[in-house]
Amino acid sequence: MSAKVAFLNPEGLSQPRGYTHVVTAQGGTLVYLSGQVAFDAAGQVVGEGDHRRQAEQIFANLQTALAAAGASFDHVVKLNYYVVGLSQEVLTAVREVRDRYVNKERPPASTLVAVTALFDPRLLLEIEAVAIIP
């Protein structure tokens, strides 16, 4: 069985910037990734105080996790972001990093939430993903 995935931006909704309003998936294997933070393989925080550097580490971690499941960013259908200290500058930095990983023609559905803190005060971002493998 292969997966059938559709990326939809229906009329009546605003034109999305860097995400898709609706993603449908049929068949295949669903992969749920736990929220990733800016820990390196040794468990050390990368980029303390730097949203861009933390985003770079997180997307690298997501890529590693996806590969462990036999997936890639081409298979990601949903991203959820949790951001401490959200501003336009931070949003721009995170988007620039994201755009190096996701398919910009068919970006995943996304949710971004500003939060006051994560479980470790040195962490500024947490990102989780859902993918479907054909």
N, C-alpha and C. Protein backbone atom coordinates (compact mmCIF):
# COMPACT_ATOMS: atom_id res chain seq x y z
N MET A 1 0.85 -1.18 0.00
CA MET A 1 0.00 0.00 0.00
C MET A 1 0.89 1.23 0.00
N SER A 2 0.57 2.18 -0.82
CA SER A 2 1.33 3.42 -0.82
C SER A 2 0.47 4.54 -0.27
N ALA A 3 1.13 5.56 0.25
CA ALA A 3 0.42 6.69 0.83
C ALA A 3 -0.01 7.65 -0.25
N LYS A 4 -1.20 8.19 -0.08
CA LYS A 4 -1.70 9.24 -0.94
C LYS A 4 -1.82 10.48 -0.07
N VAL A 5 -1.04 11.51 -0.37
CA VAL A 5 -1.01 12.72 0.44
C VAL A 5 -1.41 13.90 -0.44
N ALA A 6 -2.30 14.74 0.08
CA ALA A 6 -2.74 15.94 -0.64
C ALA A 6 -2.52 17.16 0.24
N PHE A 7 -1.99 18.21 -0.34
CA PHE A 7 -1.75 19.48 0.34
C PHE A 7 -2.75 20.49 -0.22
N LEU A 8 -3.65 21.00 0.64
CA LEU A 8 -4.77 21.82 0.19
C LEU A 8 -4.79 23.18 0.88
N ASN A 9 -5.00 24.22 0.09
CA ASN A 9 -5.21 25.57 0.60
C ASN A 9 -6.52 26.07 0.01
N PRO A 10 -7.65 25.75 0.67
CA PRO A 10 -8.95 26.04 0.08
C PRO A 10 -9.26 27.52 0.01
N GLU A 11 -10.07 27.86 -1.01
CA GLU A 11 -10.57 29.23 -1.12
C GLU A 11 -11.37 29.53 0.14
N GLY A 12 -11.34 30.78 0.56
CA GLY A 12 -12.04 31.19 1.77
C GLY A 12 -11.13 31.25 2.98
N LEU A 13 -9.90 30.74 2.85
CA LEU A 13 -8.89 30.86 3.89
C LEU A 13 -7.77 31.75 3.38
N SER A 14 -7.08 32.40 4.29
CA SER A 14 -5.97 33.28 3.90
C SER A 14 -4.89 32.48 3.19
N GLN A 15 -4.09 33.15 2.37
CA GLN A 15 -2.96 32.50 1.70
C GLN A 15 -1.88 32.23 2.73
N PRO A 16 -1.54 30.97 2.98
CA PRO A 16 -0.55 30.67 4.01
C PRO A 16 0.86 31.04 3.56
N ARG A 17 1.69 31.33 4.54
CA ARG A 17 3.10 31.66 4.28
C ARG A 17 3.97 30.62 4.95
N GLY A 18 4.41 29.65 4.18
CA GLY A 18 5.33 28.64 4.70
C GLY A 18 4.66 27.44 5.34
N TYR A 19 3.36 27.29 5.17
CA TYR A 19 2.66 26.12 5.68
C TYR A 19 1.45 25.87 4.79
N THR A 20 0.80 24.73 4.98
CA THR A 20 -0.39 24.37 4.24
C THR A 20 -1.55 24.27 5.22
N HIS A 21 -2.72 24.78 4.84
CA HIS A 21 -3.87 24.73 5.74
C HIS A 21 -4.34 23.31 6.03
N VAL A 22 -4.41 22.47 5.01
CA VAL A 22 -4.98 21.14 5.16
C VAL A 22 -4.06 20.13 4.46
N VAL A 23 -3.73 19.06 5.16
CA VAL A 23 -2.99 17.96 4.56
C VAL A 23 -3.79 16.69 4.85
N THR A 24 -4.12 15.96 3.80
CA THR A 24 -4.80 14.68 3.98
C THR A 24 -3.84 13.57 3.62
N ALA A 25 -3.99 12.43 4.30
CA ALA A 25 -3.12 11.29 4.03
C ALA A 25 -3.93 10.01 4.14
N GLN A 26 -3.73 9.13 3.17
CA GLN A 26 -4.37 7.82 3.17
C GLN A 26 -3.31 6.78 2.89
N GLY A 27 -3.36 5.67 3.62
CA GLY A 27 -2.40 4.60 3.42
C GLY A 27 -1.06 4.94 4.05
N GLY A 28 -0.12 4.05 3.93
CA GLY A 28 1.21 4.30 4.45
C GLY A 28 1.33 4.09 5.94
N THR A 29 2.46 4.48 6.49
CA THR A 29 2.77 4.34 7.91
C THR A 29 2.91 5.71 8.54
N LEU A 30 2.15 5.97 9.59
CA LEU A 30 2.27 7.24 10.31
C LEU A 30 3.45 7.20 11.25
N VAL A 31 4.17 8.30 11.33
CA VAL A 31 5.31 8.44 12.23
C VAL A 31 5.09 9.68 13.07
N TYR A 32 5.08 9.53 14.38
CA TYR A 32 4.92 10.64 15.31
C TYR A 32 6.24 10.88 16.00
N LEU A 33 6.78 12.09 15.86
CA LEU A 33 8.04 12.43 16.52
C LEU A 33 7.76 13.26 17.76
N SER A 34 8.35 12.89 18.86
CA SER A 34 8.27 13.70 20.07
C SER A 34 8.89 15.05 19.81
N GLY A 35 8.46 16.03 20.59
CA GLY A 35 9.04 17.36 20.47
C GLY A 35 10.54 17.30 20.65
N GLN A 36 11.25 17.91 19.72
CA GLN A 36 12.71 17.96 19.79
C GLN A 36 13.14 19.34 20.26
N VAL A 37 14.20 19.35 21.05
CA VAL A 37 14.77 20.59 21.56
C VAL A 37 16.23 20.65 21.14
N ALA A 38 16.92 21.69 21.53
CA ALA A 38 18.29 21.93 21.07
C ALA A 38 19.34 21.20 21.90
N PHE A 39 19.13 19.91 22.10
CA PHE A 39 20.15 19.07 22.73
C PHE A 39 20.95 18.39 21.63
N ASP A 40 22.27 18.36 21.79
CA ASP A 40 23.09 17.59 20.86
C ASP A 40 23.07 16.13 21.30
N ALA A 41 23.82 15.27 20.62
CA ALA A 41 23.81 13.84 20.92
C ALA A 41 24.29 13.53 22.33
N ALA A 42 25.09 14.43 22.91
CA ALA A 42 25.58 14.24 24.28
C ALA A 42 24.63 14.82 25.32
N GLY A 43 23.52 15.39 24.87
CA GLY A 43 22.55 15.95 25.81
C GLY A 43 22.87 17.37 26.26
N GLN A 44 23.78 18.03 25.56
CA GLN A 44 24.16 19.40 25.89
C GLN A 44 23.30 20.38 25.10
N VAL A 45 22.93 21.50 25.73
CA VAL A 45 22.16 22.53 25.04
C VAL A 45 23.05 23.22 24.01
N VAL A 46 22.53 23.35 22.80
CA VAL A 46 23.22 24.05 21.72
C VAL A 46 22.54 25.40 21.52
N GLY A 47 23.32 26.46 21.40
CA GLY A 47 22.78 27.77 21.06
C GLY A 47 22.02 28.46 22.18
N GLU A 48 22.51 28.34 23.39
CA GLU A 48 21.82 29.00 24.51
C GLU A 48 21.62 30.48 24.20
N GLY A 49 20.38 30.95 24.30
CA GLY A 49 20.07 32.36 24.05
C GLY A 49 19.93 32.72 22.57
N ASP A 50 20.01 31.74 21.67
CA ASP A 50 20.03 32.01 20.24
C ASP A 50 18.97 31.14 19.54
N HIS A 51 17.83 31.75 19.19
CA HIS A 51 16.74 31.02 18.56
C HIS A 51 17.18 30.35 17.25
N ARG A 52 17.93 31.06 16.42
CA ARG A 52 18.34 30.50 15.13
C ARG A 52 19.20 29.26 15.33
N ARG A 53 20.18 29.36 16.20
CA ARG A 53 21.08 28.21 16.43
C ARG A 53 20.32 27.04 17.02
N GLN A 54 19.36 27.33 17.91
CA GLN A 54 18.56 26.24 18.47
C GLN A 54 17.69 25.61 17.39
N ALA A 55 17.12 26.42 16.51
CA ALA A 55 16.31 25.88 15.41
C ALA A 55 17.16 24.98 14.52
N GLU A 56 18.39 25.37 14.25
CA GLU A 56 19.28 24.55 13.42
C GLU A 56 19.51 23.19 14.07
N GLN A 57 19.75 23.17 15.38
CA GLN A 57 19.95 21.90 16.08
C GLN A 57 18.68 21.07 16.09
N ILE A 58 17.55 21.72 16.31
CA ILE A 58 16.28 21.00 16.37
C ILE A 58 15.95 20.37 15.02
N PHE A 59 16.10 21.11 13.94
CA PHE A 59 15.80 20.52 12.63
C PHE A 59 16.78 19.40 12.29
N ALA A 60 18.03 19.51 12.72
CA ALA A 60 18.97 18.40 12.54
C ALA A 60 18.52 17.19 13.36
N ASN A 61 18.04 17.43 14.59
CA ASN A 61 17.53 16.34 15.42
C ASN A 61 16.30 15.69 14.78
N LEU A 62 15.39 16.51 14.26
CA LEU A 62 14.22 15.97 13.59
C LEU A 62 14.62 15.12 12.40
N GLN A 63 15.61 15.58 11.64
CA GLN A 63 16.08 14.83 10.48
C GLN A 63 16.63 13.46 10.92
N THR A 64 17.37 13.44 12.02
CA THR A 64 17.91 12.18 12.54
C THR A 64 16.78 11.25 12.98
N ALA A 65 15.79 11.81 13.68
CA ALA A 65 14.66 11.00 14.15
C ALA A 65 13.86 10.45 12.97
N LEU A 66 13.63 11.28 11.96
CA LEU A 66 12.91 10.82 10.77
C LEU A 66 13.67 9.68 10.10
N ALA A 67 14.97 9.83 9.95
CA ALA A 67 15.79 8.81 9.30
C ALA A 67 15.71 7.48 10.06
N ALA A 68 15.63 7.54 11.39
CA ALA A 68 15.53 6.32 12.19
C ALA A 68 14.26 5.54 11.86
N ALA A 69 13.23 6.26 11.42
CA ALA A 69 11.95 5.63 11.06
C ALA A 69 11.88 5.33 9.56
N GLY A 70 12.95 5.61 8.82
CA GLY A 70 12.94 5.40 7.38
C GLY A 70 12.24 6.51 6.62
N ALA A 71 12.17 7.70 7.23
CA ALA A 71 11.48 8.84 6.63
C ALA A 71 12.45 10.00 6.42
N SER A 72 11.93 11.02 5.75
CA SER A 72 12.68 12.26 5.54
C SER A 72 11.71 13.42 5.68
N PHE A 73 12.20 14.63 5.53
CA PHE A 73 11.31 15.79 5.60
C PHE A 73 10.29 15.79 4.47
N ASP A 74 10.55 15.08 3.39
CA ASP A 74 9.56 14.97 2.31
C ASP A 74 8.29 14.26 2.79
N HIS A 75 8.40 13.50 3.87
CA HIS A 75 7.27 12.74 4.40
C HIS A 75 6.52 13.49 5.51
N VAL A 76 7.03 14.63 5.96
CA VAL A 76 6.42 15.36 7.07
C VAL A 76 5.14 16.05 6.59
N VAL A 77 4.05 15.82 7.32
CA VAL A 77 2.77 16.42 6.98
C VAL A 77 2.30 17.43 8.03
N LYS A 78 2.95 17.49 9.21
CA LYS A 78 2.53 18.41 10.28
C LYS A 78 3.72 18.73 11.16
N LEU A 79 3.86 20.02 11.47
CA LEU A 79 4.87 20.50 12.42
C LEU A 79 4.16 21.34 13.48
N ASN A 80 4.54 21.16 14.73
CA ASN A 80 4.06 21.99 15.83
C ASN A 80 5.27 22.64 16.49
N TYR A 81 5.18 23.96 16.66
CA TYR A 81 6.28 24.74 17.23
C TYR A 81 5.82 25.33 18.56
N TYR A 82 6.71 25.32 19.54
CA TYR A 82 6.49 25.96 20.83
C TYR A 82 7.68 26.89 21.04
N VAL A 83 7.41 28.20 21.13
CA VAL A 83 8.49 29.19 21.08
C VAL A 83 8.44 30.10 22.30
N VAL A 84 9.56 30.21 22.97
CA VAL A 84 9.73 31.16 24.07
C VAL A 84 10.28 32.46 23.47
N GLY A 85 9.73 33.60 23.87
CA GLY A 85 10.26 34.88 23.40
C GLY A 85 9.94 35.16 21.95
N LEU A 86 8.74 34.82 21.53
CA LEU A 86 8.36 34.99 20.13
C LEU A 86 8.33 36.46 19.73
N SER A 87 8.94 36.74 18.59
CA SER A 87 8.93 38.08 17.98
C SER A 87 9.01 37.88 16.48
N GLN A 88 8.85 38.95 15.72
CA GLN A 88 8.96 38.84 14.27
C GLN A 88 10.37 38.39 13.87
N GLU A 89 11.38 38.88 14.57
CA GLU A 89 12.76 38.48 14.28
C GLU A 89 12.96 36.99 14.53
N VAL A 90 12.42 36.49 15.62
CA VAL A 90 12.53 35.06 15.94
C VAL A 90 11.78 34.24 14.90
N LEU A 91 10.58 34.66 14.55
CA LEU A 91 9.79 33.95 13.55
C LEU A 91 10.53 33.87 12.22
N THR A 92 11.13 34.97 11.82
CA THR A 92 11.90 34.99 10.57
C THR A 92 13.06 34.01 10.64
N ALA A 93 13.78 33.99 11.74
CA ALA A 93 14.93 33.09 11.89
C ALA A 93 14.50 31.63 11.82
N VAL A 94 13.42 31.29 12.52
CA VAL A 94 12.94 29.91 12.53
C VAL A 94 12.47 29.51 11.13
N ARG A 95 11.77 30.39 10.46
CA ARG A 95 11.30 30.11 9.10
C ARG A 95 12.47 29.88 8.14
N GLU A 96 13.52 30.69 8.27
CA GLU A 96 14.67 30.54 7.39
C GLU A 96 15.33 29.18 7.57
N VAL A 97 15.43 28.72 8.80
CA VAL A 97 16.00 27.40 9.05
C VAL A 97 15.05 26.32 8.52
N ARG A 98 13.77 26.44 8.84
CA ARG A 98 12.77 25.47 8.38
C ARG A 98 12.82 25.31 6.86
N ASP A 99 12.94 26.42 6.16
CA ASP A 99 12.90 26.39 4.69
C ASP A 99 14.06 25.63 4.07
N ARG A 100 15.11 25.38 4.83
CA ARG A 100 16.22 24.56 4.33
C ARG A 100 15.88 23.07 4.42
N TYR A 101 14.82 22.72 5.11
CA TYR A 101 14.47 21.32 5.33
C TYR A 101 13.18 20.89 4.65
N VAL A 102 12.13 21.70 4.72
CA VAL A 102 10.83 21.29 4.19
C VAL A 102 10.71 21.63 2.71
N ASN A 103 9.79 20.95 2.06
CA ASN A 103 9.46 21.24 0.67
C ASN A 103 8.66 22.54 0.65
N LYS A 104 9.23 23.61 0.12
CA LYS A 104 8.55 24.91 0.14
C LYS A 104 7.36 24.96 -0.82
N GLU A 105 7.30 24.05 -1.78
CA GLU A 105 6.16 23.99 -2.69
C GLU A 105 4.98 23.27 -2.05
N ARG A 106 5.27 22.35 -1.14
CA ARG A 106 4.24 21.57 -0.43
C ARG A 106 4.59 21.52 1.05
N PRO A 107 4.58 22.66 1.73
CA PRO A 107 4.98 22.67 3.15
C PRO A 107 3.94 21.97 4.01
N PRO A 108 4.39 21.40 5.12
CA PRO A 108 3.45 20.71 6.00
C PRO A 108 2.47 21.67 6.67
N ALA A 109 1.36 21.11 7.15
CA ALA A 109 0.47 21.88 8.02
C ALA A 109 1.29 22.24 9.27
N SER A 110 0.99 23.38 9.87
CA SER A 110 1.81 23.83 11.01
C SER A 110 0.98 24.57 12.05
N THR A 111 1.45 24.48 13.27
CA THR A 111 0.91 25.26 14.38
C THR A 111 2.09 25.84 15.13
N LEU A 112 2.01 27.13 15.46
CA LEU A 112 3.06 27.78 16.24
C LEU A 112 2.42 28.42 17.46
N VAL A 113 2.96 28.09 18.62
CA VAL A 113 2.42 28.59 19.88
C VAL A 113 3.53 29.29 20.65
N ALA A 114 3.25 30.52 21.11
CA ALA A 114 4.17 31.22 22.00
C ALA A 114 3.93 30.70 23.41
N VAL A 115 5.01 30.33 24.08
CA VAL A 115 4.92 29.82 25.45
C VAL A 115 5.84 30.64 26.34
N THR A 116 5.57 30.63 27.63
CA THR A 116 6.40 31.41 28.55
C THR A 116 7.68 30.68 28.92
N ALA A 117 7.66 29.34 28.87
CA ALA A 117 8.86 28.58 29.23
C ALA A 117 8.73 27.15 28.75
N LEU A 118 9.86 26.49 28.61
CA LEU A 118 9.92 25.06 28.37
C LEU A 118 10.49 24.40 29.62
N PHE A 119 10.70 23.11 29.60
CA PHE A 119 11.12 22.39 30.81
C PHE A 119 12.52 22.75 31.30
N ASP A 120 13.34 23.32 30.44
CA ASP A 120 14.69 23.77 30.81
C ASP A 120 14.78 25.24 30.40
N PRO A 121 15.10 26.14 31.31
CA PRO A 121 15.09 27.57 30.98
C PRO A 121 16.07 27.99 29.89
N ARG A 122 17.02 27.14 29.55
CA ARG A 122 17.97 27.46 28.48
C ARG A 122 17.38 27.21 27.10
N LEU A 123 16.27 26.49 27.04
CA LEU A 123 15.66 26.11 25.77
C LEU A 123 14.64 27.15 25.33
N LEU A 124 14.69 27.51 24.05
CA LEU A 124 13.83 28.54 23.49
C LEU A 124 12.79 27.99 22.51
N LEU A 125 12.99 26.77 22.03
CA LEU A 125 12.12 26.17 21.01
C LEU A 125 11.93 24.69 21.28
N GLU A 126 10.76 24.21 20.93
CA GLU A 126 10.52 22.78 20.84
C GLU A 126 9.66 22.58 19.61
N ILE A 127 10.01 21.58 18.80
CA ILE A 127 9.28 21.32 17.56
C ILE A 127 8.99 19.82 17.46
N GLU A 128 7.73 19.50 17.18
CA GLU A 128 7.34 18.11 16.98
C GLU A 128 6.83 17.93 15.57
N ALA A 129 6.83 16.68 15.09
CA ALA A 129 6.45 16.42 13.71
C ALA A 129 5.62 15.15 13.58
N VAL A 130 4.82 15.12 12.52
CA VAL A 130 4.10 13.93 12.10
C VAL A 130 4.46 13.71 10.63
N ALA A 131 4.79 12.47 10.30
CA ALA A 131 5.14 12.13 8.91
C ALA A 131 4.33 10.92 8.48
N ILE A 132 4.20 10.74 7.20
CA ILE A 132 3.59 9.52 6.65
C ILE A 132 4.53 8.95 5.59
N ILE A 133 4.85 7.66 5.77
CA ILE A 133 5.76 6.97 4.84
C ILE A 133 4.92 6.10 3.91
N PRO A 134 5.10 6.24 2.60
CA PRO A 134 4.34 5.39 1.66
C PRO A 134 4.61 3.91 1.89
